Amino acid sequence: MNEKVILPPAKIKIESIQSLKYGDLYDLCDSTESAITEGGGFGWIKVPSRKVLENYWRGVLTIPERELIIGRLDNVVAGSCQLIKPSKNNEAQKNSCSLTTFFLAPWARGYGITPELIKFAENLAKNKGFNVITLDVRETQKRAIEIYEQNGFIKFGENPFYATVSKKFVKGYYYYKQL
């Protein structure tokens, strides 16, 4: 007898974190590695050693101007982004923050985590008094560009020498969104 198994919907949780819970660092590194392998590693082209990744994520939590936002799928860290706040001496840009290091592990795509990460980041930025978010992205990250544009980010510039991948220049796009 062929019974159809109905699975419960995936549980998504988005949160800003100040410390890593047991298992989070491992999950975060695993997700980062799989995103880099698939070409979405927020600047990394080759997967660095696990020690480098662990040090990177621990370091993010020590920087006062950074807010680490993680997305979980069924309680496993599946991706993240960061809000970068301007330094205290940058009064001229005190109302603007940057969305950066955005990634989602390939196995977690299609569940709606990315729009939730963006919405959470926007709400966090508003609550911290920001009224503009900026970001930049390589032209090769087509899906990320689609998602940013679908979420109201407006392209305002390009840099033909933004990054170097396989010894070739890759164009970068710059976006903003008023909150």
Protein backbone atom coordinates (compact mmCIF):
# COMPACT_ATOMS: atom_id res chain seq x y z
CA MET A 1 0.00 0.00 0.00
CA ASN A 2 1.44 3.36 -1.05
CA GLU A 3 0.66 5.96 1.57
CA LYS A 4 1.52 9.54 0.86
CA VAL A 5 3.60 10.98 3.68
CA ILE A 6 2.78 14.57 4.49
CA LEU A 7 5.66 16.35 6.13
CA PRO A 8 5.14 19.40 8.32
CA PRO A 9 6.23 22.70 6.75
CA ALA A 10 9.82 23.73 7.30
CA LYS A 11 10.32 25.95 10.32
CA ILE A 12 12.10 29.23 9.56
CA LYS A 13 13.59 31.39 12.27
CA ILE A 14 15.48 34.65 11.73
CA GLU A 15 17.38 36.29 14.57
CA SER A 16 20.11 38.74 15.40
CA ILE A 17 22.73 37.07 17.55
CA GLN A 18 25.44 38.33 19.89
CA SER A 19 26.88 34.93 20.73
CA LEU A 20 26.93 31.50 19.15
CA LYS A 21 24.97 28.68 20.74
CA TYR A 22 26.29 25.14 20.82
CA GLY A 23 26.43 23.84 17.25
CA ASP A 24 25.87 27.26 15.62
CA LEU A 25 29.51 27.77 14.66
CA TYR A 26 29.63 24.33 13.06
CA ASP A 27 26.36 24.97 11.15
CA LEU A 28 27.45 28.45 10.12
CA CYS A 29 30.76 27.16 8.75
CA ASP A 30 29.05 24.27 6.92
CA SER A 31 26.51 26.62 5.33
CA THR A 32 29.25 29.08 4.40
CA GLU A 33 31.31 26.34 2.76
CA SER A 34 28.38 25.09 0.69
CA ALA A 35 27.48 28.65 -0.38
CA ILE A 36 31.07 29.36 -1.45
CA THR A 37 31.19 26.09 -3.41
CA GLU A 38 28.02 27.16 -5.26
CA GLY A 39 29.45 30.62 -6.04
CA GLY A 40 27.60 32.64 -3.40
CA GLY A 41 30.24 33.07 -0.73
CA PHE A 42 30.10 36.84 -0.20
CA GLY A 43 33.57 37.46 -1.58
CA TRP A 44 35.25 34.14 -1.05
CA ILE A 45 35.90 32.28 -4.27
CA LYS A 46 37.60 29.23 -2.77
CA VAL A 47 36.56 27.59 0.48
CA PRO A 48 39.04 28.61 3.19
CA SER A 49 40.15 26.27 5.95
CA ARG A 50 37.67 25.56 8.73
CA LYS A 51 39.91 27.44 11.17
CA VAL A 52 39.76 30.57 9.00
CA LEU A 53 35.96 30.35 8.83
CA GLU A 54 35.63 29.79 12.56
CA ASN A 55 37.89 32.77 13.27
CA TYR A 56 35.95 34.91 10.81
CA TRP A 57 32.57 34.19 12.43
CA ARG A 58 33.92 34.61 15.96
CA GLY A 59 35.48 37.90 14.86
CA VAL A 60 32.22 39.23 13.42
CA LEU A 61 30.66 39.00 16.86
CA THR A 62 33.39 41.18 18.38
CA ILE A 63 32.88 44.16 16.06
CA PRO A 64 30.48 46.70 17.59
CA GLU A 65 29.49 48.13 14.19
CA ARG A 66 28.30 44.73 12.91
CA GLU A 67 24.99 43.01 13.54
CA LEU A 68 25.00 39.32 12.64
CA ILE A 69 21.62 38.05 11.48
CA ILE A 70 21.18 34.34 10.95
CA GLY A 71 18.45 32.33 9.28
CA ARG A 72 17.60 28.87 10.51
CA LEU A 73 15.77 26.13 8.68
CA ASP A 74 14.43 23.55 11.11
CA ASN A 75 16.82 24.92 13.77
CA VAL A 76 19.92 24.55 11.57
CA VAL A 77 21.81 27.71 10.57
CA ALA A 78 21.19 27.97 6.83
CA GLY A 79 22.45 31.45 6.04
CA SER A 80 23.15 34.92 7.28
CA CYS A 81 23.67 38.55 6.54
CA GLN A 82 25.17 41.45 8.41
CA LEU A 83 24.22 45.05 8.95
CA ILE A 84 27.20 47.36 9.12
CA LYS A 85 26.60 50.54 11.05
CA PRO A 86 28.71 53.64 10.38
CA SER A 87 31.49 54.35 12.85
CA LYS A 88 30.69 56.83 15.63
CA ASN A 89 32.77 59.58 14.01
CA ASN A 90 30.79 59.37 10.74
CA GLU A 91 28.00 61.77 11.64
CA ALA A 92 27.29 62.60 8.00
CA GLN A 93 26.20 59.02 7.30
CA LYS A 94 24.64 58.20 10.66
CA ASN A 95 21.28 57.40 9.02
CA SER A 96 22.67 54.88 6.53
CA CYS A 97 23.80 51.29 7.08
CA SER A 98 25.00 48.55 4.75
CA LEU A 99 23.69 45.05 4.17
CA THR A 100 26.63 42.76 3.53
CA THR A 101 27.95 39.18 3.54
CA PHE A 102 24.54 37.83 2.59
CA PHE A 103 24.40 34.13 1.78
CA LEU A 104 22.14 31.11 1.94
CA ALA A 105 23.26 27.50 1.74
CA PRO A 106 22.08 25.81 -1.47
CA TRP A 107 20.18 23.12 0.47
CA ALA A 108 18.06 25.84 2.12
CA ARG A 109 17.00 27.67 -1.02
CA GLY A 110 13.35 27.73 -2.02
CA TYR A 111 11.89 27.90 1.50
CA GLY A 112 11.52 31.69 1.63
CA ILE A 113 14.39 32.35 4.02
CA THR A 114 16.05 35.08 1.95
CA PRO A 115 13.08 37.50 1.91
CA GLU A 116 12.69 36.91 5.65
CA LEU A 117 16.37 37.72 6.24
CA ILE A 118 15.97 40.94 4.22
CA LYS A 119 12.78 41.93 6.05
CA PHE A 120 14.38 41.23 9.43
CA ALA A 121 17.48 43.28 8.49
CA GLU A 122 15.29 46.18 7.33
CA ASN A 123 13.25 46.14 10.54
CA LEU A 124 16.40 45.95 12.65
CA ALA A 125 17.87 48.89 10.73
CA LYS A 126 14.70 50.94 11.25
CA ASN A 127 14.65 50.12 14.95
CA LYS A 128 18.25 51.32 15.22
CA GLY A 129 17.32 54.65 13.59
CA PHE A 130 18.56 54.06 10.04
CA ASN A 131 16.50 55.18 7.07
CA VAL A 132 18.66 53.91 4.19
CA ILE A 133 20.31 50.54 3.51
CA THR A 134 22.98 50.15 0.84
CA LEU A 135 24.55 47.01 -0.60
CA ASP A 136 26.82 45.87 -3.39
CA VAL A 137 26.91 42.63 -5.36
CA ARG A 138 28.90 40.98 -8.13
CA GLU A 139 27.17 40.92 -11.52
CA THR A 140 27.61 37.12 -11.57
CA GLN A 141 25.25 36.69 -8.62
CA LYS A 142 22.12 36.81 -10.78
CA ARG A 143 19.70 35.31 -8.27
CA ALA A 144 20.85 37.66 -5.50
CA ILE A 145 20.34 40.62 -7.83
CA GLU A 146 16.81 39.43 -8.66
CA ILE A 147 15.99 39.05 -4.97
CA TYR A 148 17.33 42.49 -4.05
CA GLU A 149 15.36 44.12 -6.86
CA GLN A 150 12.20 42.17 -5.96
CA ASN A 151 12.58 43.52 -2.43
CA GLY A 152 12.70 47.15 -3.50
CA PHE A 153 16.42 47.83 -3.74
CA ILE A 154 17.29 50.36 -6.45
CA LYS A 155 20.44 50.06 -8.54
CA PHE A 156 22.34 53.33 -8.64
CA GLY A 157 25.80 52.46 -9.91
CA GLU A 158 28.27 50.03 -11.43
CA ASN A 159 31.98 49.42 -11.07
CA PRO A 160 33.57 47.56 -14.00
CA PHE A 161 36.56 46.60 -11.81
CA TYR A 162 34.62 45.55 -8.69
CA ALA A 163 36.19 42.09 -8.24
CA THR A 164 38.63 39.68 -9.82
CA VAL A 165 37.50 36.10 -10.42
CA SER A 166 39.68 33.64 -12.34
CA LYS A 167 42.02 36.50 -13.25
CA LYS A 168 39.20 38.45 -14.92
CA PHE A 169 37.48 41.60 -13.76
CA VAL A 170 33.86 41.23 -12.70
CA LYS A 171 31.48 44.15 -12.62
CA GLY A 172 29.80 45.13 -9.36
CA TYR A 173 26.41 46.74 -8.84
CA TYR A 174 25.45 49.17 -6.08
CA TYR A 175 21.98 49.36 -4.56
CA TYR A 176 20.08 51.36 -1.95
CA LYS A 177 16.70 51.21 -0.33
CA GLN A 178 14.95 53.89 1.69
CA LEU A 179 13.22 52.49 4.73
